[in-house]
Amino acid sequence: MTRRILVVEDDTATAGFLRSGLEDAGYQVEWAAEGRRGLQLAQRPGLDGIVLDRMLPALDGLSLLEILRAQGCDTPVIILSAIGSTDERVRGLRAGSDDYLVKPFAMTELLARLEVLHRRRVAAPGIVTRLACADLTLDLLASRAERAGQVLLLQPRAIQLLEFLMRNQGQVVTRSMIFQQVWNYDFDPGTNVIDVYVSNLRKEIDRPGLVPLLHTVRGAGYRLGPRE
């Protein structure tokens, strides 16, 4: 089945490069040259991914992404940006992006990252689609988490982090393990993005009045489960 990709990029040369490379790889590509049109196209059903420029006219990439996530859109998004600072990467991830690629980039790397996101999204036959830890549950097909019957407000990357923690509940997972399994990095890029995501996840999971489930193991990593 042909996968549909939306490219939101105002630079025509970059957009042409993206479109050519993606179509050569078998994707069906739609293109928007500014943010508002990109938002309209992104709201249509059936997209398999969005390649989103950070700086756009009419509506910038982060604002566009925040609107989509607030509407419940879980389409995988890769942000493209000439801004590669740690702060900007963290802003992109916190806005709801699944990945962040700095310009200039190689088409082969973009295609590889899209493939990783696609594999994460597709549930293979026979695998577990629902995880539980105490009164915390995660429906993998619906990307829906609940604690004590209350729906948790989690962005796609936070869902992926929660899934990894739940699949390893009771065990200590290190930062390196999280970067490798959730962010698909084989190294620690030297950001505090994991700390930010764990902190936000803890606020949702361990609300006042509930038994804490997400614990920091000082000097080691994190563990999900009732305190031992």
N, C-alpha and C. Protein backbone atom coordinates (compact mmCIF):
# COMPACT_ATOMS: atom_id res chain seq x y z
N MET A 1 0.84 -1.19 0.00
CA MET A 1 0.00 0.00 0.00
C MET A 1 0.88 1.25 0.00
N THR A 2 0.54 2.20 -0.88
CA THR A 2 1.30 3.45 -0.95
C THR A 2 1.03 4.30 0.28
N ARG A 3 2.09 4.80 0.87
CA ARG A 3 1.94 5.65 2.05
C ARG A 3 1.84 7.11 1.63
N ARG A 4 1.00 7.86 2.33
CA ARG A 4 0.77 9.27 2.03
C ARG A 4 1.54 10.14 3.01
N ILE A 5 2.31 11.07 2.48
CA ILE A 5 3.11 11.98 3.28
C ILE A 5 2.75 13.42 2.92
N LEU A 6 2.60 14.24 3.95
CA LEU A 6 2.39 15.67 3.75
C LEU A 6 3.70 16.40 4.04
N VAL A 7 4.14 17.20 3.10
CA VAL A 7 5.32 18.05 3.27
C VAL A 7 4.84 19.50 3.42
N VAL A 8 5.20 20.12 4.53
CA VAL A 8 4.86 21.53 4.75
C VAL A 8 6.19 22.29 4.79
N GLU A 9 6.50 22.97 3.70
CA GLU A 9 7.81 23.60 3.52
C GLU A 9 7.65 24.79 2.58
N ASP A 10 8.10 25.98 3.03
CA ASP A 10 7.90 27.17 2.21
C ASP A 10 9.02 27.40 1.19
N ASP A 11 10.19 26.81 1.40
CA ASP A 11 11.28 26.97 0.45
C ASP A 11 11.06 26.01 -0.72
N THR A 12 10.88 26.56 -1.92
CA THR A 12 10.52 25.73 -3.06
C THR A 12 11.62 24.74 -3.44
N ALA A 13 12.88 25.13 -3.30
CA ALA A 13 13.98 24.23 -3.63
C ALA A 13 13.99 23.03 -2.68
N THR A 14 13.84 23.30 -1.37
CA THR A 14 13.81 22.22 -0.40
C THR A 14 12.59 21.33 -0.60
N ALA A 15 11.44 21.98 -0.88
CA ALA A 15 10.22 21.21 -1.12
C ALA A 15 10.37 20.30 -2.33
N GLY A 16 11.02 20.81 -3.39
CA GLY A 16 11.24 19.99 -4.57
C GLY A 16 12.14 18.81 -4.27
N PHE A 17 13.19 19.04 -3.48
CA PHE A 17 14.11 17.97 -3.08
C PHE A 17 13.36 16.91 -2.28
N LEU A 18 12.53 17.35 -1.35
CA LEU A 18 11.77 16.43 -0.52
C LEU A 18 10.78 15.62 -1.37
N ARG A 19 10.06 16.32 -2.20
CA ARG A 19 9.05 15.64 -3.01
C ARG A 19 9.68 14.60 -3.93
N SER A 20 10.77 14.97 -4.58
CA SER A 20 11.44 14.05 -5.49
C SER A 20 11.94 12.81 -4.75
N GLY A 21 12.61 13.04 -3.62
CA GLY A 21 13.17 11.91 -2.86
C GLY A 21 12.10 11.00 -2.30
N LEU A 22 11.02 11.58 -1.78
CA LEU A 22 9.95 10.78 -1.20
C LEU A 22 9.19 10.00 -2.27
N GLU A 23 8.93 10.64 -3.40
CA GLU A 23 8.22 9.94 -4.48
C GLU A 23 9.08 8.82 -5.05
N ASP A 24 10.39 9.04 -5.15
CA ASP A 24 11.28 7.98 -5.62
C ASP A 24 11.26 6.78 -4.66
N ALA A 25 10.99 7.06 -3.38
CA ALA A 25 10.94 5.99 -2.38
C ALA A 25 9.57 5.34 -2.31
N GLY A 26 8.64 5.80 -3.15
CA GLY A 26 7.32 5.16 -3.21
C GLY A 26 6.21 5.86 -2.46
N TYR A 27 6.48 7.04 -1.90
CA TYR A 27 5.45 7.77 -1.17
C TYR A 27 4.58 8.59 -2.13
N GLN A 28 3.33 8.77 -1.74
CA GLN A 28 2.45 9.73 -2.39
C GLN A 28 2.55 11.04 -1.60
N VAL A 29 2.97 12.11 -2.23
CA VAL A 29 3.32 13.33 -1.52
C VAL A 29 2.32 14.45 -1.80
N GLU A 30 1.87 15.10 -0.73
CA GLU A 30 1.13 16.35 -0.83
C GLU A 30 2.03 17.45 -0.29
N TRP A 31 1.84 18.66 -0.80
CA TRP A 31 2.74 19.75 -0.41
C TRP A 31 1.94 21.01 -0.08
N ALA A 32 2.34 21.66 0.99
CA ALA A 32 1.79 22.96 1.35
C ALA A 32 2.95 23.91 1.57
N ALA A 33 2.82 25.14 1.07
CA ALA A 33 3.92 26.10 1.13
C ALA A 33 3.80 27.07 2.30
N GLU A 34 2.71 26.98 3.05
CA GLU A 34 2.57 27.84 4.24
C GLU A 34 1.74 27.13 5.30
N GLY A 35 1.79 27.66 6.53
CA GLY A 35 1.25 26.94 7.67
C GLY A 35 -0.23 26.70 7.66
N ARG A 36 -1.02 27.69 7.28
CA ARG A 36 -2.47 27.52 7.34
C ARG A 36 -2.95 26.45 6.37
N ARG A 37 -2.38 26.47 5.16
CA ARG A 37 -2.73 25.43 4.20
C ARG A 37 -2.23 24.08 4.68
N GLY A 38 -1.06 24.07 5.31
CA GLY A 38 -0.54 22.83 5.86
C GLY A 38 -1.46 22.25 6.92
N LEU A 39 -2.01 23.11 7.76
CA LEU A 39 -2.93 22.65 8.81
C LEU A 39 -4.18 22.04 8.19
N GLN A 40 -4.72 22.68 7.15
CA GLN A 40 -5.90 22.14 6.48
C GLN A 40 -5.65 20.75 5.93
N LEU A 41 -4.50 20.58 5.27
CA LEU A 41 -4.19 19.28 4.69
C LEU A 41 -3.89 18.23 5.76
N ALA A 42 -3.26 18.67 6.85
CA ALA A 42 -2.90 17.74 7.93
C ALA A 42 -4.13 17.22 8.67
N GLN A 43 -5.23 17.95 8.60
CA GLN A 43 -6.45 17.54 9.29
C GLN A 43 -7.25 16.50 8.51
N ARG A 44 -6.85 16.24 7.27
CA ARG A 44 -7.53 15.22 6.48
C ARG A 44 -7.11 13.83 6.94
N PRO A 45 -8.03 12.87 6.91
CA PRO A 45 -7.68 11.51 7.35
C PRO A 45 -6.80 10.79 6.33
N GLY A 46 -6.10 9.77 6.81
CA GLY A 46 -5.36 8.89 5.91
C GLY A 46 -3.89 9.19 5.72
N LEU A 47 -3.38 10.22 6.40
CA LEU A 47 -1.96 10.52 6.27
C LEU A 47 -1.13 9.52 7.07
N ASP A 48 0.02 9.14 6.51
CA ASP A 48 0.93 8.24 7.21
C ASP A 48 2.09 8.99 7.87
N GLY A 49 2.24 10.27 7.56
CA GLY A 49 3.31 11.04 8.17
C GLY A 49 3.30 12.47 7.67
N ILE A 50 3.92 13.36 8.45
CA ILE A 50 4.05 14.77 8.10
C ILE A 50 5.50 15.19 8.28
N VAL A 51 6.05 15.80 7.24
CA VAL A 51 7.38 16.41 7.32
C VAL A 51 7.15 17.91 7.40
N LEU A 52 7.49 18.50 8.53
CA LEU A 52 7.05 19.85 8.86
C LEU A 52 8.22 20.80 9.09
N ASP A 53 8.28 21.86 8.28
CA ASP A 53 9.31 22.87 8.48
C ASP A 53 9.02 23.66 9.74
N ARG A 54 10.06 24.05 10.45
CA ARG A 54 9.91 24.80 11.71
C ARG A 54 9.43 26.23 11.47
N MET A 55 10.03 26.91 10.50
CA MET A 55 9.71 28.32 10.23
C MET A 55 8.86 28.41 8.98
N LEU A 56 7.61 28.84 9.14
CA LEU A 56 6.66 28.91 8.03
C LEU A 56 5.92 30.25 8.05
N PRO A 57 5.52 30.75 6.89
CA PRO A 57 4.66 31.93 6.85
C PRO A 57 3.23 31.58 7.26
N ALA A 58 2.51 32.58 7.71
CA ALA A 58 1.08 32.47 8.10
C ALA A 58 0.89 31.76 9.43
N LEU A 59 1.50 30.59 9.61
CA LEU A 59 1.39 29.84 10.86
C LEU A 59 2.66 29.02 11.01
N ASP A 60 3.42 29.25 12.08
CA ASP A 60 4.70 28.56 12.20
C ASP A 60 4.50 27.09 12.53
N GLY A 61 5.54 26.29 12.30
CA GLY A 61 5.44 24.85 12.42
C GLY A 61 5.05 24.37 13.81
N LEU A 62 5.59 24.97 14.86
CA LEU A 62 5.26 24.52 16.21
C LEU A 62 3.81 24.82 16.55
N SER A 63 3.31 25.98 16.14
CA SER A 63 1.90 26.31 16.39
C SER A 63 0.99 25.36 15.65
N LEU A 64 1.35 25.06 14.40
CA LEU A 64 0.58 24.10 13.61
C LEU A 64 0.52 22.76 14.33
N LEU A 65 1.66 22.31 14.81
CA LEU A 65 1.74 21.01 15.47
C LEU A 65 0.94 20.99 16.76
N GLU A 66 1.04 22.05 17.55
CA GLU A 66 0.29 22.10 18.80
C GLU A 66 -1.21 22.06 18.56
N ILE A 67 -1.68 22.70 17.49
CA ILE A 67 -3.11 22.65 17.15
C ILE A 67 -3.51 21.22 16.80
N LEU A 68 -2.70 20.56 15.98
CA LEU A 68 -3.01 19.18 15.58
C LEU A 68 -3.10 18.26 16.79
N ARG A 69 -2.12 18.35 17.68
CA ARG A 69 -2.11 17.46 18.85
C ARG A 69 -3.29 17.77 19.78
N ALA A 70 -3.64 19.03 19.90
CA ALA A 70 -4.79 19.40 20.74
C ALA A 70 -6.09 18.84 20.17
N GLN A 71 -6.12 18.65 18.86
CA GLN A 71 -7.30 18.08 18.20
C GLN A 71 -7.30 16.55 18.23
N GLY A 72 -6.26 15.97 18.81
CA GLY A 72 -6.19 14.52 18.92
C GLY A 72 -5.52 13.82 17.75
N CYS A 73 -4.91 14.58 16.84
CA CYS A 73 -4.22 13.99 15.70
C CYS A 73 -2.95 13.29 16.17
N ASP A 74 -2.79 12.01 15.80
CA ASP A 74 -1.60 11.27 16.22
C ASP A 74 -0.70 10.89 15.03
N THR A 75 -0.89 11.55 13.90
CA THR A 75 -0.04 11.29 12.74
C THR A 75 1.42 11.57 13.09
N PRO A 76 2.34 10.66 12.78
CA PRO A 76 3.75 10.92 13.08
C PRO A 76 4.26 12.18 12.37
N VAL A 77 5.03 12.99 13.10
CA VAL A 77 5.53 14.26 12.56
C VAL A 77 7.03 14.34 12.77
N ILE A 78 7.74 14.66 11.70
CA ILE A 78 9.17 14.98 11.79
C ILE A 78 9.34 16.46 11.49
N ILE A 79 9.92 17.19 12.43
CA ILE A 79 10.21 18.61 12.21
C ILE A 79 11.55 18.76 11.50
N LEU A 80 11.57 19.61 10.48
CA LEU A 80 12.80 19.99 9.81
C LEU A 80 13.13 21.43 10.20
N SER A 81 14.36 21.69 10.56
CA SER A 81 14.71 23.04 10.97
C SER A 81 16.19 23.31 10.79
N ALA A 82 16.49 24.55 10.44
CA ALA A 82 17.88 24.99 10.39
C ALA A 82 18.38 25.33 11.78
N ILE A 83 17.46 25.37 12.76
CA ILE A 83 17.81 25.69 14.14
C ILE A 83 18.07 24.39 14.88
N GLY A 84 19.32 24.15 15.25
CA GLY A 84 19.66 22.87 15.85
C GLY A 84 20.04 22.93 17.31
N SER A 85 19.74 24.03 17.98
CA SER A 85 20.12 24.16 19.39
C SER A 85 19.31 23.19 20.25
N THR A 86 19.85 22.88 21.42
CA THR A 86 19.17 21.98 22.34
C THR A 86 17.79 22.53 22.72
N ASP A 87 17.72 23.82 23.01
CA ASP A 87 16.45 24.41 23.42
C ASP A 87 15.38 24.24 22.33
N GLU A 88 15.78 24.45 21.07
CA GLU A 88 14.81 24.33 19.99
C GLU A 88 14.38 22.89 19.77
N ARG A 89 15.32 21.96 19.91
CA ARG A 89 14.95 20.55 19.79
C ARG A 89 13.93 20.17 20.86
N VAL A 90 14.20 20.61 22.08
CA VAL A 90 13.29 20.31 23.18
C VAL A 90 11.92 20.94 22.94
N ARG A 91 11.90 22.19 22.44
CA ARG A 91 10.62 22.83 22.13
C ARG A 91 9.85 22.04 21.10
N GLY A 92 10.55 21.53 20.08
CA GLY A 92 9.88 20.75 19.06
C GLY A 92 9.30 19.46 19.60
N LEU A 93 10.07 18.77 20.43
CA LEU A 93 9.59 17.53 21.02
C LEU A 93 8.44 17.77 21.98
N ARG A 94 8.51 18.82 22.75
CA ARG A 94 7.44 19.13 23.70
C ARG A 94 6.17 19.56 22.98
N ALA A 95 6.31 20.14 21.80
CA ALA A 95 5.13 20.54 21.03
C ALA A 95 4.40 19.33 20.46
N GLY A 96 5.07 18.18 20.45
CA GLY A 96 4.40 16.97 19.99
C GLY A 96 5.03 16.28 18.81
N SER A 97 6.22 16.72 18.40
CA SER A 97 6.86 16.05 17.27
C SER A 97 7.40 14.69 17.69
N ASP A 98 7.48 13.79 16.73
CA ASP A 98 8.03 12.46 17.00
C ASP A 98 9.52 12.40 16.72
N ASP A 99 10.00 13.35 15.94
CA ASP A 99 11.43 13.40 15.62
C ASP A 99 11.77 14.81 15.17
N TYR A 100 13.07 15.13 15.14
CA TYR A 100 13.54 16.48 14.82
C TYR A 100 14.82 16.34 14.02
N LEU A 101 14.80 16.82 12.79
CA LEU A 101 15.93 16.67 11.89
C LEU A 101 16.45 18.04 11.49
N VAL A 102 17.75 18.24 11.67
CA VAL A 102 18.34 19.55 11.41
C VAL A 102 18.80 19.65 9.96
N LYS A 103 18.48 20.79 9.32
CA LYS A 103 18.97 21.08 7.97
C LYS A 103 20.43 21.53 8.04
N PRO A 104 21.23 21.20 7.03
CA PRO A 104 20.94 20.31 5.90
C PRO A 104 20.92 18.86 6.36
N PHE A 105 20.20 18.03 5.65
CA PHE A 105 20.06 16.63 6.02
C PHE A 105 20.16 15.76 4.76
N ALA A 106 20.40 14.49 4.96
CA ALA A 106 20.46 13.54 3.85
C ALA A 106 19.10 12.89 3.68
N MET A 107 18.66 12.72 2.45
CA MET A 107 17.37 12.09 2.19
C MET A 107 17.33 10.68 2.77
N THR A 108 18.46 9.96 2.70
CA THR A 108 18.49 8.60 3.25
C THR A 108 18.17 8.58 4.74
N GLU A 109 18.64 9.61 5.47
CA GLU A 109 18.35 9.66 6.90
C GLU A 109 16.87 9.96 7.15
N LEU A 110 16.31 10.88 6.38
CA LEU A 110 14.89 11.19 6.53
C LEU A 110 14.04 9.95 6.25
N LEU A 111 14.35 9.22 5.19
CA LEU A 111 13.60 8.01 4.85
C LEU A 111 13.71 6.97 5.95
N ALA A 112 14.91 6.83 6.53
CA ALA A 112 15.10 5.87 7.61
C ALA A 112 14.27 6.23 8.83
N ARG A 113 14.23 7.52 9.14
CA ARG A 113 13.46 7.96 10.31
C ARG A 113 11.96 7.78 10.08
N LEU A 114 11.49 8.03 8.86
CA LEU A 114 10.08 7.80 8.54
C LEU A 114 9.74 6.32 8.68
N GLU A 115 10.65 5.46 8.26
CA GLU A 115 10.41 4.03 8.35
C GLU A 115 10.31 3.59 9.81
N VAL A 116 11.16 4.14 10.65
CA VAL A 116 11.10 3.81 12.08
C VAL A 116 9.74 4.23 12.67
N LEU A 117 9.29 5.42 12.34
CA LEU A 117 8.00 5.89 12.85
C LEU A 117 6.87 5.02 12.35
N HIS A 118 6.96 4.58 11.09
CA HIS A 118 5.92 3.71 10.55
C HIS A 118 5.89 2.37 11.28
N ARG A 119 7.05 1.79 11.56
CA ARG A 119 7.10 0.51 12.26
C ARG A 119 6.51 0.63 13.66
N ARG A 120 6.75 1.75 14.30
CA ARG A 120 6.21 1.94 15.64
C ARG A 120 4.69 2.03 15.63
N ARG A 121 4.16 2.57 14.52
CA ARG A 121 2.72 2.84 14.46
C ARG A 121 1.91 1.60 14.11
N VAL A 122 2.48 0.71 13.32
CA VAL A 122 1.74 -0.45 12.84
C VAL A 122 1.84 -1.58 13.85
N ALA A 123 0.73 -2.09 14.27
CA ALA A 123 0.71 -3.22 15.22
C ALA A 123 0.74 -4.52 14.45
N ALA A 124 1.75 -5.35 14.71
CA ALA A 124 1.86 -6.64 14.03
C ALA A 124 0.87 -7.63 14.63
N PRO A 125 0.41 -8.62 13.81
CA PRO A 125 -0.56 -9.61 14.30
C PRO A 125 0.00 -10.39 15.49
N GLY A 126 -0.86 -10.61 16.49
CA GLY A 126 -0.50 -11.46 17.60
C GLY A 126 0.25 -10.78 18.73
N ILE A 127 0.58 -9.51 18.60
CA ILE A 127 1.30 -8.87 19.68
C ILE A 127 0.34 -8.29 20.70
N VAL A 128 0.84 -8.02 21.89
CA VAL A 128 0.01 -7.43 22.94
C VAL A 128 -0.40 -6.01 22.55
N THR A 129 -1.67 -5.69 22.70
CA THR A 129 -2.15 -4.36 22.35
C THR A 129 -2.66 -3.59 23.56
N ARG A 130 -2.58 -4.21 24.74
CA ARG A 130 -3.03 -3.52 25.96
C ARG A 130 -2.07 -3.87 27.09
N LEU A 131 -1.56 -2.84 27.76
CA LEU A 131 -0.63 -3.04 28.86
C LEU A 131 -1.25 -2.51 30.14
N ALA A 132 -0.85 -3.09 31.27
CA ALA A 132 -1.38 -2.64 32.56
C ALA A 132 -0.28 -2.68 33.61
N CYS A 133 -0.35 -1.71 34.52
CA CYS A 133 0.54 -1.66 35.68
C CYS A 133 -0.28 -1.07 36.82
N ALA A 134 -0.63 -1.92 37.80
CA ALA A 134 -1.56 -1.51 38.86
C ALA A 134 -2.84 -0.99 38.21
N ASP A 135 -3.27 0.25 38.52
CA ASP A 135 -4.50 0.78 37.92
C ASP A 135 -4.21 1.67 36.71
N LEU A 136 -3.00 1.56 36.16
CA LEU A 136 -2.60 2.29 34.96
C LEU A 136 -2.71 1.35 33.76
N THR A 137 -3.42 1.80 32.71
CA THR A 137 -3.58 0.98 31.52
C THR A 137 -3.20 1.79 30.28
N LEU A 138 -2.76 1.06 29.25
CA LEU A 138 -2.41 1.69 27.99
C LEU A 138 -2.93 0.84 26.85
N ASP A 139 -3.83 1.42 26.06
CA ASP A 139 -4.34 0.79 24.85
C ASP A 139 -3.44 1.20 23.70
N LEU A 140 -2.63 0.26 23.18
CA LEU A 140 -1.64 0.60 22.17
C LEU A 140 -2.27 0.93 20.83
N LEU A 141 -3.37 0.31 20.49
CA LEU A 141 -4.00 0.58 19.21
C LEU A 141 -4.67 1.95 19.18
N ALA A 142 -5.27 2.33 20.30
CA ALA A 142 -5.94 3.63 20.38
C ALA A 142 -5.02 4.73 20.89
N SER A 143 -3.78 4.38 21.30
CA SER A 143 -2.86 5.34 21.91
C SER A 143 -3.56 6.10 23.04
N ARG A 144 -4.19 5.34 23.93
CA ARG A 144 -5.00 5.92 25.00
C ARG A 144 -4.55 5.33 26.34
N ALA A 145 -4.18 6.23 27.26
CA ALA A 145 -3.74 5.80 28.59
C ALA A 145 -4.75 6.28 29.64
N GLU A 146 -4.96 5.43 30.66
CA GLU A 146 -5.87 5.79 31.75
C GLU A 146 -5.23 5.40 33.08
N ARG A 147 -5.54 6.18 34.10
CA ARG A 147 -5.10 5.85 35.46
C ARG A 147 -6.30 6.02 36.37
N ALA A 148 -6.66 4.95 37.06
CA ALA A 148 -7.82 4.96 37.96
C ALA A 148 -9.08 5.42 37.24
N GLY A 149 -9.21 5.03 35.98
CA GLY A 149 -10.40 5.36 35.21
C GLY A 149 -10.39 6.72 34.57
N GLN A 150 -9.33 7.51 34.78
CA GLN A 150 -9.24 8.85 34.21
C GLN A 150 -8.29 8.84 33.02
N VAL A 151 -8.74 9.43 31.90
CA VAL A 151 -7.90 9.49 30.71
C VAL A 151 -6.74 10.44 30.94
N LEU A 152 -5.53 10.03 30.55
CA LEU A 152 -4.34 10.85 30.69
C LEU A 152 -4.11 11.64 29.41
N LEU A 153 -3.73 12.90 29.54
CA LEU A 153 -3.50 13.76 28.39
C LEU A 153 -2.03 13.66 27.99
N LEU A 154 -1.74 12.76 27.05
CA LEU A 154 -0.35 12.49 26.67
C LEU A 154 -0.16 12.67 25.18
N GLN A 155 0.95 13.31 24.81
CA GLN A 155 1.31 13.46 23.41
C GLN A 155 1.92 12.15 22.90
N PRO A 156 2.00 11.98 21.57
CA PRO A 156 2.47 10.70 21.01
C PRO A 156 3.81 10.22 21.56
N ARG A 157 4.78 11.12 21.70
CA ARG A 157 6.09 10.70 22.21
C ARG A 157 5.98 10.22 23.66
N ALA A 158 5.13 10.89 24.44
CA ALA A 158 4.93 10.47 25.83
C ALA A 158 4.27 9.09 25.89
N ILE A 159 3.38 8.80 24.94
CA ILE A 159 2.77 7.48 24.86
C ILE A 159 3.85 6.43 24.59
N GLN A 160 4.78 6.74 23.70
CA GLN A 160 5.86 5.81 23.39
C GLN A 160 6.75 5.57 24.61
N LEU A 161 7.03 6.64 25.35
CA LEU A 161 7.83 6.51 26.57
C LEU A 161 7.10 5.66 27.60
N LEU A 162 5.80 5.91 27.75
CA LEU A 162 5.02 5.14 28.71
C LEU A 162 4.98 3.66 28.31
N GLU A 163 4.82 3.39 27.02
CA GLU A 163 4.81 2.00 26.56
C GLU A 163 6.13 1.31 26.92
N PHE A 164 7.25 1.98 26.69
CA PHE A 164 8.54 1.38 27.00
C PHE A 164 8.67 1.10 28.50
N LEU A 165 8.24 2.05 29.32
CA LEU A 165 8.30 1.86 30.77
C LEU A 165 7.39 0.72 31.22
N MET A 166 6.20 0.63 30.62
CA MET A 166 5.25 -0.41 31.02
C MET A 166 5.72 -1.79 30.58
N ARG A 167 6.37 -1.87 29.42
CA ARG A 167 6.88 -3.16 28.97
C ARG A 167 8.06 -3.62 29.84
N ASN A 168 8.66 -2.68 30.56
CA ASN A 168 9.79 -3.00 31.43
C ASN A 168 9.46 -2.68 32.89
N GLN A 169 8.19 -2.73 33.24
CA GLN A 169 7.79 -2.35 34.59
C GLN A 169 8.46 -3.23 35.63
N GLY A 170 8.82 -2.58 36.74
CA GLY A 170 9.53 -3.27 37.81
C GLY A 170 11.02 -3.29 37.63
N GLN A 171 11.50 -2.90 36.43
CA GLN A 171 12.93 -2.89 36.16
C GLN A 171 13.42 -1.44 36.02
N VAL A 172 14.67 -1.22 36.35
CA VAL A 172 15.27 0.10 36.16
C VAL A 172 15.70 0.23 34.70
N VAL A 173 15.25 1.31 34.04
CA VAL A 173 15.68 1.57 32.66
C VAL A 173 16.54 2.83 32.68
N THR A 174 17.64 2.79 31.97
CA THR A 174 18.58 3.90 31.96
C THR A 174 18.21 4.93 30.90
N ARG A 175 18.83 6.09 30.98
CA ARG A 175 18.64 7.12 29.97
C ARG A 175 19.06 6.61 28.58
N SER A 176 20.16 5.89 28.54
CA SER A 176 20.64 5.36 27.26
C SER A 176 19.63 4.41 26.64
N MET A 177 19.01 3.58 27.47
CA MET A 177 17.99 2.66 26.98
C MET A 177 16.80 3.43 26.41
N ILE A 178 16.42 4.49 27.09
CA ILE A 178 15.28 5.29 26.63
C ILE A 178 15.60 5.98 25.32
N PHE A 179 16.78 6.59 25.24
CA PHE A 179 17.16 7.25 23.99
C PHE A 179 17.17 6.26 22.83
N GLN A 180 17.66 5.06 23.07
CA GLN A 180 17.77 4.07 22.00
C GLN A 180 16.41 3.52 21.60
N GLN A 181 15.56 3.21 22.57
CA GLN A 181 14.30 2.55 22.28
C GLN A 181 13.15 3.50 21.96
N VAL A 182 13.17 4.70 22.51
CA VAL A 182 12.06 5.64 22.31
C VAL A 182 12.40 6.70 21.27
N TRP A 183 13.65 7.21 21.33
CA TRP A 183 14.06 8.26 20.38
C TRP A 183 14.88 7.71 19.21
N ASN A 184 15.21 6.43 19.27
CA ASN A 184 15.98 5.78 18.21
C ASN A 184 17.37 6.39 18.06
N TYR A 185 17.95 6.89 19.16
CA TYR A 185 19.32 7.40 19.15
C TYR A 185 20.22 6.35 19.79
N ASP A 186 21.39 6.16 19.21
CA ASP A 186 22.35 5.23 19.80
C ASP A 186 23.30 5.94 20.76
N PHE A 187 23.01 7.21 21.04
CA PHE A 187 23.87 7.99 21.93
C PHE A 187 23.01 9.02 22.65
N ASP A 188 23.53 9.54 23.73
CA ASP A 188 22.86 10.61 24.48
C ASP A 188 23.25 11.94 23.83
N PRO A 189 22.30 12.65 23.20
CA PRO A 189 22.66 13.90 22.52
C PRO A 189 22.93 15.06 23.46
N GLY A 190 22.91 14.80 24.75
CA GLY A 190 23.27 15.84 25.71
C GLY A 190 22.18 16.84 25.98
N THR A 191 20.92 16.41 25.88
CA THR A 191 19.80 17.29 26.17
C THR A 191 19.10 16.81 27.45
N ASN A 192 18.20 17.65 27.95
CA ASN A 192 17.40 17.25 29.11
C ASN A 192 16.01 16.80 28.69
N VAL A 193 15.87 16.39 27.43
CA VAL A 193 14.54 16.06 26.92
C VAL A 193 13.91 14.90 27.70
N ILE A 194 14.71 13.91 28.10
CA ILE A 194 14.14 12.80 28.87
C ILE A 194 13.62 13.29 30.21
N ASP A 195 14.38 14.16 30.88
CA ASP A 195 13.94 14.70 32.17
C ASP A 195 12.61 15.43 32.01
N VAL A 196 12.49 16.19 30.92
CA VAL A 196 11.25 16.94 30.67
C VAL A 196 10.08 15.99 30.46
N TYR A 197 10.28 14.97 29.63
CA TYR A 197 9.19 14.04 29.34
C TYR A 197 8.81 13.21 30.56
N VAL A 198 9.80 12.76 31.33
CA VAL A 198 9.50 11.98 32.53
C VAL A 198 8.74 12.84 33.53
N SER A 199 9.18 14.10 33.69
CA SER A 199 8.50 15.00 34.63
C SER A 199 7.04 15.21 34.23
N ASN A 200 6.80 15.46 32.93
CA ASN A 200 5.43 15.67 32.47
C ASN A 200 4.60 14.39 32.59
N LEU A 201 5.23 13.25 32.30
CA LEU A 201 4.52 11.98 32.42
C LEU A 201 4.16 11.70 33.87
N ARG A 202 5.07 12.00 34.78
CA ARG A 202 4.80 11.79 36.21
C ARG A 202 3.63 12.64 36.69
N LYS A 203 3.54 13.88 36.20
CA LYS A 203 2.43 14.75 36.59
C LYS A 203 1.09 14.16 36.19
N GLU A 204 1.05 13.46 35.04
CA GLU A 204 -0.19 12.85 34.59
C GLU A 204 -0.48 11.54 35.32
N ILE A 205 0.56 10.72 35.47
CA ILE A 205 0.37 9.39 36.08
C ILE A 205 0.13 9.47 37.58
N ASP A 206 0.98 10.25 38.26
CA ASP A 206 0.96 10.28 39.73
C ASP A 206 0.27 11.54 40.24
N ARG A 207 -1.00 11.66 39.91
CA ARG A 207 -1.76 12.82 40.37
C ARG A 207 -2.01 12.72 41.87
N PRO A 208 -2.30 13.85 42.52
CA PRO A 208 -2.53 13.83 43.97
C PRO A 208 -3.59 12.81 44.38
N GLY A 209 -3.28 12.07 45.44
CA GLY A 209 -4.22 11.08 45.94
C GLY A 209 -3.98 9.68 45.40
N LEU A 210 -3.11 9.56 44.39
CA LEU A 210 -2.82 8.24 43.82
C LEU A 210 -1.46 7.74 44.31
N VAL A 211 -1.33 6.43 44.38
CA VAL A 211 -0.06 5.83 44.78
C VAL A 211 0.96 6.08 43.68
N PRO A 212 2.13 6.66 43.99
CA PRO A 212 3.14 6.93 42.95
C PRO A 212 3.59 5.65 42.25
N LEU A 213 3.70 5.74 40.93
CA LEU A 213 4.13 4.59 40.14
C LEU A 213 5.44 4.85 39.40
N LEU A 214 5.72 6.10 39.07
CA LEU A 214 6.92 6.42 38.29
C LEU A 214 8.00 6.97 39.22
N HIS A 215 9.09 6.21 39.35
CA HIS A 215 10.13 6.55 40.32
C HIS A 215 11.46 6.82 39.63
N THR A 216 12.18 7.80 40.15
CA THR A 216 13.55 8.07 39.72
C THR A 216 14.50 7.28 40.62
N VAL A 217 15.35 6.47 40.02
CA VAL A 217 16.35 5.71 40.77
C VAL A 217 17.66 6.48 40.63
N ARG A 218 18.04 7.18 41.67
CA ARG A 218 19.15 8.12 41.61
C ARG A 218 20.43 7.45 41.10
N GLY A 219 21.00 8.07 40.08
CA GLY A 219 22.24 7.57 39.51
C GLY A 219 22.08 6.39 38.58
N ALA A 220 20.83 5.94 38.37
CA ALA A 220 20.62 4.74 37.54
C ALA A 220 19.64 5.00 36.41
N GLY A 221 18.47 5.54 36.73
CA GLY A 221 17.45 5.74 35.69
C GLY A 221 16.07 5.86 36.30
N TYR A 222 15.12 5.14 35.71
CA TYR A 222 13.72 5.26 36.13
C TYR A 222 13.10 3.86 36.23
N ARG A 223 12.08 3.76 37.10
CA ARG A 223 11.37 2.48 37.25
C ARG A 223 9.88 2.77 37.39
N LEU A 224 9.08 1.96 36.66
CA LEU A 224 7.63 2.08 36.73
C LEU A 224 7.09 0.91 37.53
N GLY A 225 6.27 1.21 38.52
CA GLY A 225 5.64 0.17 39.33
C GLY A 225 5.47 0.65 40.74
N PRO A 226 4.68 -0.07 41.55
CA PRO A 226 4.53 0.29 42.97
C PRO A 226 5.88 0.27 43.67
N ARG A 227 6.04 1.17 44.64
CA ARG A 227 7.31 1.23 45.36
C ARG A 227 7.57 -0.08 46.10
N GLU A 228 8.79 -0.58 45.98
CA GLU A 228 9.13 -1.85 46.62
C GLU A 228 9.46 -1.66 48.07
